[in-house]
């Protein structure tokens, strides 16, 4: 099977996980919002399939989920998330390919991706607030990007690298390219 077919197949699976994981944690909205379950498949897609697939799935998933389930609310939540998750998929995919091939760099790539995605989210939310005449302050950014997201950040730092290392060990990924 060609690499493109494998990447498309895995990307479809990651998109499906973006739809399903929030349903699993959504029974208790505070937990679902805190863990940011839709972010995990986007990170995995970027790492495993590459930046093009990760960015595409990251951009589409929140919008698609909003259309299908009305959660998150389309504007401003899903629109802001779509830019954030696209940045996650893009950044982690690029960094995974160019950084040295040691496990510590999976964590470094993930952390840089998380920071970059949150910055993109903040910029998108600031622009949307300006367009709608509402407010988006620095304290709102810090609260949304870091304070309330801390459980999700910790969860992502544990789960995502472990899954990537399992993929590498099982030789699904060789030389940082999906086989």
N, C-alpha and C. Protein backbone atom coordinates (compact mmCIF):
# COMPACT_ATOMS: atom_id res chain seq x y z
N UNK A 1 0.85 -1.17 0.00
CA UNK A 1 0.00 0.00 0.00
C UNK A 1 0.90 1.24 0.00
N UNK A 2 0.56 2.23 -0.80
CA UNK A 2 1.40 3.42 -0.91
C UNK A 2 1.31 4.27 0.35
N UNK A 3 2.33 5.08 0.55
CA UNK A 3 2.38 5.97 1.71
C UNK A 3 1.19 6.94 1.70
N UNK A 4 0.81 7.43 0.54
CA UNK A 4 -0.32 8.37 0.44
C UNK A 4 -1.61 7.72 0.90
N UNK A 5 -1.84 6.49 0.48
CA UNK A 5 -3.06 5.78 0.90
C UNK A 5 -3.04 5.56 2.41
N UNK A 6 -1.89 5.19 2.95
CA UNK A 6 -1.79 5.00 4.41
C UNK A 6 -2.04 6.30 5.14
N UNK A 7 -1.44 7.40 4.65
CA UNK A 7 -1.64 8.69 5.30
C UNK A 7 -3.10 9.12 5.24
N UNK A 8 -3.75 8.91 4.11
CA UNK A 8 -5.17 9.26 3.99
C UNK A 8 -6.03 8.40 4.92
N UNK A 9 -5.71 7.12 5.00
CA UNK A 9 -6.46 6.21 5.86
C UNK A 9 -6.30 6.60 7.33
N UNK A 10 -5.07 6.84 7.75
CA UNK A 10 -4.84 7.25 9.13
C UNK A 10 -5.46 8.63 9.41
N UNK A 11 -5.38 9.53 8.45
CA UNK A 11 -5.98 10.86 8.63
C UNK A 11 -7.49 10.75 8.83
N UNK A 12 -8.13 9.87 8.06
CA UNK A 12 -9.57 9.66 8.22
C UNK A 12 -9.88 9.11 9.61
N UNK A 13 -9.02 8.20 10.09
CA UNK A 13 -9.21 7.65 11.43
C UNK A 13 -9.05 8.76 12.48
N UNK A 14 -8.04 9.61 12.31
CA UNK A 14 -7.83 10.70 13.27
C UNK A 14 -8.99 11.69 13.24
N UNK A 15 -9.53 11.96 12.06
CA UNK A 15 -10.70 12.84 11.97
C UNK A 15 -11.89 12.21 12.70
N UNK A 16 -12.08 10.91 12.51
CA UNK A 16 -13.16 10.21 13.22
C UNK A 16 -12.95 10.29 14.74
N UNK A 17 -11.71 10.13 15.18
CA UNK A 17 -11.43 10.26 16.62
C UNK A 17 -11.73 11.67 17.12
N UNK A 18 -11.48 12.67 16.29
CA UNK A 18 -11.83 14.06 16.67
C UNK A 18 -13.33 14.20 16.89
N UNK A 19 -14.12 13.42 16.18
CA UNK A 19 -15.57 13.48 16.34
C UNK A 19 -16.02 12.71 17.58
N UNK A 20 -15.36 11.59 17.87
CA UNK A 20 -15.82 10.67 18.91
C UNK A 20 -15.27 10.99 20.30
N UNK A 21 -13.99 11.32 20.41
CA UNK A 21 -13.40 11.52 21.75
C UNK A 21 -14.13 12.57 22.58
N UNK A 22 -14.54 13.71 22.02
CA UNK A 22 -15.29 14.67 22.85
C UNK A 22 -16.63 14.12 23.33
N UNK A 23 -17.24 13.19 22.60
CA UNK A 23 -18.49 12.58 23.05
C UNK A 23 -18.24 11.76 24.31
N UNK A 24 -17.11 11.05 24.33
CA UNK A 24 -16.76 10.20 25.47
C UNK A 24 -16.55 11.05 26.73
N UNK A 25 -15.85 12.17 26.59
CA UNK A 25 -15.58 13.02 27.75
C UNK A 25 -16.66 14.08 27.96
N UNK A 26 -17.59 14.21 27.01
CA UNK A 26 -18.58 15.27 27.06
C UNK A 26 -19.68 15.08 28.08
N UNK A 27 -19.78 13.90 28.68
CA UNK A 27 -20.80 13.67 29.70
C UNK A 27 -20.65 14.62 30.87
N UNK A 28 -19.42 15.00 31.14
CA UNK A 28 -19.12 16.00 32.18
C UNK A 28 -18.38 17.12 31.47
N UNK A 29 -19.09 18.19 31.06
CA UNK A 29 -18.49 19.24 30.23
C UNK A 29 -17.20 19.83 30.80
N UNK A 30 -17.11 19.96 32.13
CA UNK A 30 -15.90 20.53 32.71
C UNK A 30 -14.69 19.65 32.42
N UNK A 31 -14.87 18.34 32.46
CA UNK A 31 -13.78 17.41 32.19
C UNK A 31 -13.45 17.43 30.70
N UNK A 32 -14.48 17.37 29.86
CA UNK A 32 -14.27 17.40 28.41
C UNK A 32 -13.55 18.65 27.96
N UNK A 33 -13.97 19.80 28.48
CA UNK A 33 -13.31 21.06 28.11
C UNK A 33 -11.89 21.12 28.63
N UNK A 34 -11.67 20.60 29.83
CA UNK A 34 -10.33 20.67 30.44
C UNK A 34 -9.34 19.76 29.73
N UNK A 35 -9.78 18.59 29.25
CA UNK A 35 -8.86 17.63 28.64
C UNK A 35 -8.60 17.88 27.15
N UNK A 36 -9.42 18.70 26.52
CA UNK A 36 -9.25 19.02 25.09
C UNK A 36 -9.01 17.74 24.27
N UNK A 37 -9.97 16.81 24.28
CA UNK A 37 -9.74 15.52 23.63
C UNK A 37 -9.59 15.60 22.11
N UNK A 38 -10.13 16.63 21.47
CA UNK A 38 -10.01 16.75 20.01
C UNK A 38 -8.58 17.07 19.59
N UNK A 39 -7.78 17.61 20.50
CA UNK A 39 -6.41 17.98 20.17
C UNK A 39 -5.52 16.75 19.97
N UNK A 40 -5.77 15.69 20.71
CA UNK A 40 -4.90 14.50 20.67
C UNK A 40 -4.81 13.90 19.27
N UNK A 41 -5.94 13.61 18.60
CA UNK A 41 -5.82 13.05 17.24
C UNK A 41 -5.14 13.99 16.25
N UNK A 42 -5.30 15.29 16.45
CA UNK A 42 -4.65 16.24 15.54
C UNK A 42 -3.14 16.19 15.72
N UNK A 43 -2.67 16.18 16.97
CA UNK A 43 -1.23 16.03 17.21
C UNK A 43 -0.72 14.73 16.59
N UNK A 44 -1.43 13.64 16.84
CA UNK A 44 -1.01 12.35 16.31
C UNK A 44 -0.96 12.36 14.78
N UNK A 45 -1.95 12.98 14.17
CA UNK A 45 -1.98 13.06 12.70
C UNK A 45 -0.77 13.83 12.19
N UNK A 46 -0.44 14.94 12.82
CA UNK A 46 0.72 15.72 12.40
C UNK A 46 2.01 14.93 12.54
N UNK A 47 2.16 14.25 13.69
CA UNK A 47 3.37 13.46 13.92
C UNK A 47 3.45 12.28 12.96
N UNK A 48 2.37 11.54 12.80
CA UNK A 48 2.40 10.28 12.07
C UNK A 48 2.28 10.46 10.56
N UNK A 49 1.38 11.33 10.14
CA UNK A 49 1.11 11.48 8.70
C UNK A 49 1.83 12.64 8.06
N UNK A 50 2.24 13.61 8.85
CA UNK A 50 2.95 14.76 8.31
C UNK A 50 2.16 16.05 8.47
N UNK A 51 2.87 17.15 8.25
CA UNK A 51 2.27 18.46 8.52
C UNK A 51 1.08 18.77 7.64
N UNK A 52 1.09 18.32 6.38
CA UNK A 52 -0.02 18.63 5.48
C UNK A 52 -1.32 18.00 5.99
N UNK A 53 -1.23 16.76 6.40
CA UNK A 53 -2.40 16.03 6.89
C UNK A 53 -2.83 16.56 8.26
N UNK A 54 -1.85 16.80 9.14
CA UNK A 54 -2.16 17.31 10.47
C UNK A 54 -2.83 18.67 10.41
N UNK A 55 -2.32 19.56 9.56
CA UNK A 55 -2.92 20.89 9.42
C UNK A 55 -4.32 20.80 8.84
N UNK A 56 -4.51 19.93 7.86
CA UNK A 56 -5.83 19.78 7.23
C UNK A 56 -6.86 19.23 8.21
N UNK A 57 -6.51 18.16 8.90
CA UNK A 57 -7.43 17.56 9.86
C UNK A 57 -7.69 18.54 11.01
N UNK A 58 -6.65 19.23 11.45
CA UNK A 58 -6.81 20.21 12.52
C UNK A 58 -7.76 21.33 12.14
N UNK A 59 -7.69 21.79 10.91
CA UNK A 59 -8.56 22.89 10.48
C UNK A 59 -10.01 22.42 10.31
N UNK A 60 -10.19 21.23 9.74
CA UNK A 60 -11.53 20.74 9.42
C UNK A 60 -12.29 20.22 10.64
N UNK A 61 -11.61 19.56 11.56
CA UNK A 61 -12.28 18.85 12.66
C UNK A 61 -13.22 19.73 13.49
N UNK A 62 -12.78 20.87 14.03
CA UNK A 62 -13.72 21.66 14.85
C UNK A 62 -14.91 22.18 14.05
N UNK A 63 -14.68 22.56 12.80
CA UNK A 63 -15.77 23.06 11.96
C UNK A 63 -16.77 21.94 11.67
N UNK A 64 -16.25 20.78 11.33
CA UNK A 64 -17.11 19.63 11.04
C UNK A 64 -17.89 19.20 12.28
N UNK A 65 -17.20 19.19 13.40
CA UNK A 65 -17.87 18.80 14.66
C UNK A 65 -18.95 19.80 15.02
N UNK A 66 -18.71 21.07 14.77
CA UNK A 66 -19.71 22.10 15.04
C UNK A 66 -20.93 21.92 14.13
N UNK A 67 -20.70 21.62 12.87
CA UNK A 67 -21.80 21.41 11.92
C UNK A 67 -22.62 20.18 12.30
N UNK A 68 -21.95 19.09 12.65
CA UNK A 68 -22.64 17.83 12.93
C UNK A 68 -23.30 17.83 14.31
N UNK A 69 -22.56 18.27 15.34
CA UNK A 69 -23.03 18.14 16.72
C UNK A 69 -23.39 19.47 17.39
N UNK A 70 -23.17 20.58 16.71
CA UNK A 70 -23.38 21.92 17.26
C UNK A 70 -22.47 22.20 18.46
N UNK A 71 -21.41 21.43 18.58
CA UNK A 71 -20.42 21.63 19.64
C UNK A 71 -19.05 21.42 19.04
N UNK A 72 -18.14 22.30 19.20
CA UNK A 72 -18.29 23.60 19.84
C UNK A 72 -19.15 24.53 18.98
N UNK A 73 -19.62 25.60 19.60
CA UNK A 73 -20.40 26.59 18.88
C UNK A 73 -19.52 27.12 17.73
N UNK A 74 -20.13 27.30 16.56
CA UNK A 74 -19.34 27.65 15.37
C UNK A 74 -18.51 28.91 15.57
N UNK A 75 -19.18 30.00 15.99
CA UNK A 75 -18.45 31.27 16.11
C UNK A 75 -18.59 31.80 17.52
N UNK A 76 -17.55 32.06 18.20
CA UNK A 76 -16.16 32.09 17.77
C UNK A 76 -15.38 30.81 18.09
N UNK A 77 -15.98 29.88 18.84
CA UNK A 77 -15.22 28.74 19.36
C UNK A 77 -14.64 27.84 18.26
N UNK A 78 -15.49 27.28 17.40
CA UNK A 78 -15.00 26.34 16.39
C UNK A 78 -14.05 27.02 15.39
N UNK A 79 -14.37 28.26 15.03
CA UNK A 79 -13.50 28.97 14.09
C UNK A 79 -12.12 29.20 14.71
N UNK A 80 -12.08 29.66 15.95
CA UNK A 80 -10.80 29.86 16.64
C UNK A 80 -10.04 28.56 16.81
N UNK A 81 -10.77 27.50 17.18
CA UNK A 81 -10.13 26.19 17.34
C UNK A 81 -9.58 25.66 16.03
N UNK A 82 -10.25 25.93 14.92
CA UNK A 82 -9.78 25.41 13.64
C UNK A 82 -8.40 25.97 13.30
N UNK A 83 -8.17 27.23 13.60
CA UNK A 83 -6.84 27.80 13.35
C UNK A 83 -5.82 27.24 14.35
N UNK A 84 -6.23 27.09 15.60
CA UNK A 84 -5.35 26.54 16.63
C UNK A 84 -4.93 25.11 16.28
N UNK A 85 -5.90 24.26 15.97
CA UNK A 85 -5.59 22.86 15.68
C UNK A 85 -4.83 22.70 14.37
N UNK A 86 -5.11 23.54 13.39
CA UNK A 86 -4.32 23.50 12.15
C UNK A 86 -2.86 23.81 12.45
N UNK A 87 -2.63 24.80 13.33
CA UNK A 87 -1.26 25.14 13.72
C UNK A 87 -0.60 23.97 14.45
N UNK A 88 -1.35 23.28 15.33
CA UNK A 88 -0.80 22.12 16.02
C UNK A 88 -0.31 21.08 15.02
N UNK A 89 -1.19 20.70 14.09
CA UNK A 89 -0.84 19.67 13.12
C UNK A 89 0.33 20.07 12.24
N UNK A 90 0.35 21.32 11.82
CA UNK A 90 1.42 21.82 10.96
C UNK A 90 2.75 21.86 11.71
N UNK A 91 2.77 22.47 12.87
CA UNK A 91 4.03 22.66 13.61
C UNK A 91 4.61 21.33 14.05
N UNK A 92 3.79 20.46 14.65
CA UNK A 92 4.36 19.20 15.14
C UNK A 92 4.81 18.32 13.98
N UNK A 93 4.11 18.37 12.84
CA UNK A 93 4.53 17.59 11.68
C UNK A 93 5.87 18.04 11.13
N UNK A 94 6.06 19.35 11.03
CA UNK A 94 7.33 19.90 10.54
C UNK A 94 8.46 19.59 11.52
N UNK A 95 8.22 19.85 12.80
CA UNK A 95 9.28 19.64 13.80
C UNK A 95 9.66 18.17 13.93
N UNK A 96 8.69 17.29 13.85
CA UNK A 96 8.98 15.86 13.96
C UNK A 96 9.89 15.40 12.83
N UNK A 97 9.71 15.98 11.67
CA UNK A 97 10.52 15.59 10.52
C UNK A 97 11.94 16.17 10.59
N UNK A 98 12.10 17.40 11.13
CA UNK A 98 13.41 18.05 11.06
C UNK A 98 14.25 17.93 12.34
N UNK A 99 13.63 17.67 13.47
CA UNK A 99 14.40 17.56 14.72
C UNK A 99 15.14 16.23 14.78
N UNK A 100 16.19 16.16 15.60
CA UNK A 100 16.93 14.89 15.76
C UNK A 100 15.99 13.75 16.17
N UNK A 101 16.38 12.56 15.85
CA UNK A 101 15.53 11.38 16.02
C UNK A 101 15.70 10.75 17.40
N UNK A 102 15.46 11.53 18.45
CA UNK A 102 15.54 11.03 19.82
C UNK A 102 14.21 11.33 20.51
N UNK A 103 13.79 10.47 21.45
CA UNK A 103 12.49 10.66 22.10
C UNK A 103 12.29 12.03 22.74
N UNK A 104 13.34 12.63 23.29
CA UNK A 104 13.19 13.93 23.95
C UNK A 104 12.68 14.98 22.96
N UNK A 105 13.02 14.82 21.69
CA UNK A 105 12.59 15.81 20.69
C UNK A 105 11.12 15.67 20.33
N UNK A 106 10.52 14.53 20.63
CA UNK A 106 9.07 14.40 20.48
C UNK A 106 8.41 15.36 21.47
N UNK A 107 8.91 15.37 22.71
CA UNK A 107 8.37 16.28 23.72
C UNK A 107 8.62 17.74 23.34
N UNK A 108 9.81 18.03 22.87
CA UNK A 108 10.14 19.41 22.48
C UNK A 108 9.23 19.86 21.34
N UNK A 109 9.07 19.01 20.34
CA UNK A 109 8.18 19.35 19.23
C UNK A 109 6.75 19.55 19.68
N UNK A 110 6.29 18.70 20.60
CA UNK A 110 4.93 18.82 21.11
C UNK A 110 4.74 20.12 21.89
N UNK A 111 5.69 20.45 22.75
CA UNK A 111 5.58 21.68 23.54
C UNK A 111 5.59 22.91 22.65
N UNK A 112 6.49 22.94 21.68
CA UNK A 112 6.54 24.08 20.76
C UNK A 112 5.24 24.17 19.97
N UNK A 113 4.70 23.03 19.56
CA UNK A 113 3.43 23.01 18.83
C UNK A 113 2.29 23.53 19.69
N UNK A 114 2.27 23.12 20.94
CA UNK A 114 1.22 23.58 21.85
C UNK A 114 1.29 25.09 22.05
N UNK A 115 2.48 25.60 22.24
CA UNK A 115 2.63 27.05 22.41
C UNK A 115 2.26 27.79 21.12
N UNK A 116 2.73 27.29 19.99
CA UNK A 116 2.41 27.93 18.71
C UNK A 116 0.93 27.92 18.41
N UNK A 117 0.29 26.79 18.65
CA UNK A 117 -1.16 26.68 18.41
C UNK A 117 -1.96 27.61 19.31
N UNK A 118 -1.53 27.71 20.56
CA UNK A 118 -2.24 28.61 21.48
C UNK A 118 -2.04 30.08 21.09
N UNK A 119 -0.88 30.40 20.57
CA UNK A 119 -0.65 31.78 20.09
C UNK A 119 -1.55 32.05 18.88
N UNK A 120 -1.64 31.10 17.96
CA UNK A 120 -2.51 31.25 16.80
C UNK A 120 -3.97 31.40 17.25
N UNK A 121 -4.39 30.59 18.22
CA UNK A 121 -5.75 30.70 18.77
C UNK A 121 -5.99 32.09 19.33
N UNK A 122 -5.03 32.60 20.11
CA UNK A 122 -5.18 33.92 20.70
C UNK A 122 -5.30 35.01 19.64
N UNK A 123 -4.49 34.91 18.60
CA UNK A 123 -4.54 35.90 17.51
C UNK A 123 -5.89 35.82 16.79
N UNK A 124 -6.34 34.59 16.51
CA UNK A 124 -7.63 34.41 15.83
C UNK A 124 -8.77 34.96 16.69
N UNK A 125 -8.76 34.65 17.98
CA UNK A 125 -9.82 35.15 18.86
C UNK A 125 -9.77 36.67 18.98
N UNK A 126 -8.58 37.25 19.01
CA UNK A 126 -8.44 38.71 19.08
C UNK A 126 -9.02 39.37 17.82
N UNK A 127 -8.71 38.79 16.66
CA UNK A 127 -9.24 39.33 15.39
C UNK A 127 -10.76 39.19 15.36
N UNK A 128 -11.27 38.03 15.75
CA UNK A 128 -12.73 37.82 15.75
C UNK A 128 -13.42 38.77 16.73
N UNK A 129 -12.79 39.00 17.90
CA UNK A 129 -13.37 39.93 18.87
C UNK A 129 -13.43 41.34 18.28
N UNK A 130 -12.38 41.74 17.59
CA UNK A 130 -12.37 43.05 16.95
C UNK A 130 -13.43 43.18 15.88
N UNK A 131 -13.63 42.11 15.11
CA UNK A 131 -14.64 42.12 14.05
C UNK A 131 -16.06 42.18 14.60
N UNK A 132 -16.26 41.55 15.76
CA UNK A 132 -17.62 41.51 16.32
C UNK A 132 -17.85 42.60 17.35
N UNK A 133 -16.83 43.41 17.62
CA UNK A 133 -16.98 44.49 18.58
C UNK A 133 -16.98 44.04 20.03
N UNK A 134 -16.49 42.84 20.29
CA UNK A 134 -16.41 42.36 21.67
C UNK A 134 -14.97 42.48 22.17
N UNK A 135 -14.75 42.02 23.37
CA UNK A 135 -13.43 42.17 24.00
C UNK A 135 -12.73 40.82 24.09
N UNK A 136 -11.43 40.82 23.89
CA UNK A 136 -10.60 39.65 24.14
C UNK A 136 -9.29 40.15 24.73
N UNK A 137 -9.21 40.10 26.05
CA UNK A 137 -8.07 40.68 26.77
C UNK A 137 -6.95 39.66 26.96
N UNK A 138 -5.83 40.15 27.44
CA UNK A 138 -4.69 39.28 27.74
C UNK A 138 -5.08 38.27 28.82
N UNK A 139 -5.82 38.70 29.83
CA UNK A 139 -6.23 37.78 30.89
C UNK A 139 -7.17 36.69 30.34
N UNK A 140 -8.02 37.04 29.37
CA UNK A 140 -8.88 36.04 28.74
C UNK A 140 -8.04 35.04 27.94
N UNK A 141 -7.00 35.54 27.28
CA UNK A 141 -6.09 34.66 26.54
C UNK A 141 -5.38 33.70 27.47
N UNK A 142 -4.78 34.23 28.54
CA UNK A 142 -4.04 33.39 29.49
C UNK A 142 -4.96 32.35 30.12
N UNK A 143 -6.16 32.78 30.49
CA UNK A 143 -7.12 31.85 31.09
C UNK A 143 -7.50 30.75 30.12
N UNK A 144 -7.86 31.11 28.90
CA UNK A 144 -8.30 30.12 27.92
C UNK A 144 -7.19 29.24 27.39
N UNK A 145 -6.01 29.82 27.23
CA UNK A 145 -4.91 29.07 26.62
C UNK A 145 -4.11 28.25 27.62
N UNK A 146 -4.07 28.66 28.87
CA UNK A 146 -3.19 27.98 29.81
C UNK A 146 -3.87 27.56 31.11
N UNK A 147 -4.52 28.49 31.80
CA UNK A 147 -5.06 28.19 33.13
C UNK A 147 -6.10 27.08 33.07
N UNK A 148 -7.17 27.27 32.32
CA UNK A 148 -8.21 26.24 32.25
C UNK A 148 -7.77 25.04 31.42
N UNK A 149 -6.76 25.21 30.58
CA UNK A 149 -6.29 24.12 29.71
C UNK A 149 -5.22 23.25 30.36
N UNK A 150 -4.79 23.58 31.58
CA UNK A 150 -3.68 22.86 32.21
C UNK A 150 -3.90 21.34 32.30
N UNK A 151 -5.08 20.84 32.69
CA UNK A 151 -5.25 19.38 32.69
C UNK A 151 -5.05 18.76 31.30
N UNK A 152 -5.55 19.43 30.27
CA UNK A 152 -5.37 18.94 28.90
C UNK A 152 -3.92 18.96 28.48
N UNK A 153 -3.21 20.01 28.84
CA UNK A 153 -1.79 20.12 28.52
C UNK A 153 -1.03 18.95 29.13
N UNK A 154 -1.30 18.67 30.39
CA UNK A 154 -0.63 17.55 31.08
C UNK A 154 -1.00 16.23 30.41
N UNK A 155 -2.28 16.04 30.11
CA UNK A 155 -2.74 14.82 29.44
C UNK A 155 -2.05 14.65 28.09
N UNK A 156 -1.96 15.72 27.31
CA UNK A 156 -1.32 15.64 25.99
C UNK A 156 0.16 15.31 26.11
N UNK A 157 0.83 15.89 27.11
CA UNK A 157 2.26 15.64 27.30
C UNK A 157 2.55 14.20 27.72
N UNK A 158 1.55 13.54 28.28
CA UNK A 158 1.72 12.13 28.66
C UNK A 158 1.33 11.21 27.51
N UNK A 159 0.14 11.42 26.96
CA UNK A 159 -0.45 10.48 26.00
C UNK A 159 0.21 10.53 24.62
N UNK A 160 0.36 11.72 24.06
CA UNK A 160 0.83 11.84 22.67
C UNK A 160 2.23 11.26 22.48
N UNK A 161 3.23 11.65 23.29
CA UNK A 161 4.56 11.07 23.07
C UNK A 161 4.60 9.54 23.24
N UNK A 162 3.82 9.03 24.20
CA UNK A 162 3.79 7.57 24.39
C UNK A 162 3.27 6.86 23.14
N UNK A 163 2.22 7.39 22.56
CA UNK A 163 1.66 6.77 21.36
C UNK A 163 2.66 6.86 20.20
N UNK A 164 3.31 8.00 20.05
CA UNK A 164 4.30 8.17 18.97
C UNK A 164 5.45 7.19 19.18
N UNK A 165 5.92 7.03 20.41
CA UNK A 165 7.02 6.10 20.66
C UNK A 165 6.61 4.66 20.37
N UNK A 166 5.36 4.30 20.66
CA UNK A 166 4.86 2.96 20.33
C UNK A 166 4.84 2.78 18.81
N UNK A 167 4.37 3.79 18.10
CA UNK A 167 4.38 3.73 16.63
C UNK A 167 5.80 3.55 16.11
N UNK A 168 6.74 4.29 16.66
CA UNK A 168 8.13 4.17 16.20
C UNK A 168 8.68 2.78 16.48
N UNK A 169 8.39 2.25 17.66
CA UNK A 169 8.90 0.93 18.02
C UNK A 169 8.31 -0.17 17.15
N UNK A 170 7.08 -0.02 16.79
CA UNK A 170 6.39 -1.03 15.99
C UNK A 170 6.71 -0.88 14.50
N UNK A 171 7.60 0.06 14.19
CA UNK A 171 8.09 0.30 12.83
C UNK A 171 6.98 0.76 11.89
N UNK A 172 6.00 1.44 12.43
CA UNK A 172 5.03 2.11 11.57
C UNK A 172 5.67 3.38 11.01
N UNK A 173 6.62 3.90 11.78
CA UNK A 173 7.32 5.11 11.37
C UNK A 173 8.80 4.75 11.28
N UNK A 174 9.42 5.10 10.17
CA UNK A 174 10.83 4.84 10.00
C UNK A 174 11.47 6.13 9.48
N UNK A 175 12.55 6.53 10.12
CA UNK A 175 13.23 7.77 9.74
C UNK A 175 12.25 8.96 9.73
N UNK A 176 11.35 8.98 10.68
CA UNK A 176 10.38 10.06 10.85
C UNK A 176 9.46 10.24 9.66
N UNK A 177 9.31 9.18 8.86
CA UNK A 177 8.33 9.19 7.79
C UNK A 177 7.47 7.97 7.94
N UNK A 178 6.17 8.17 7.80
CA UNK A 178 5.21 7.07 7.91
C UNK A 178 5.44 6.09 6.78
N UNK A 179 5.54 4.81 7.11
CA UNK A 179 5.78 3.78 6.08
C UNK A 179 4.46 3.35 5.49
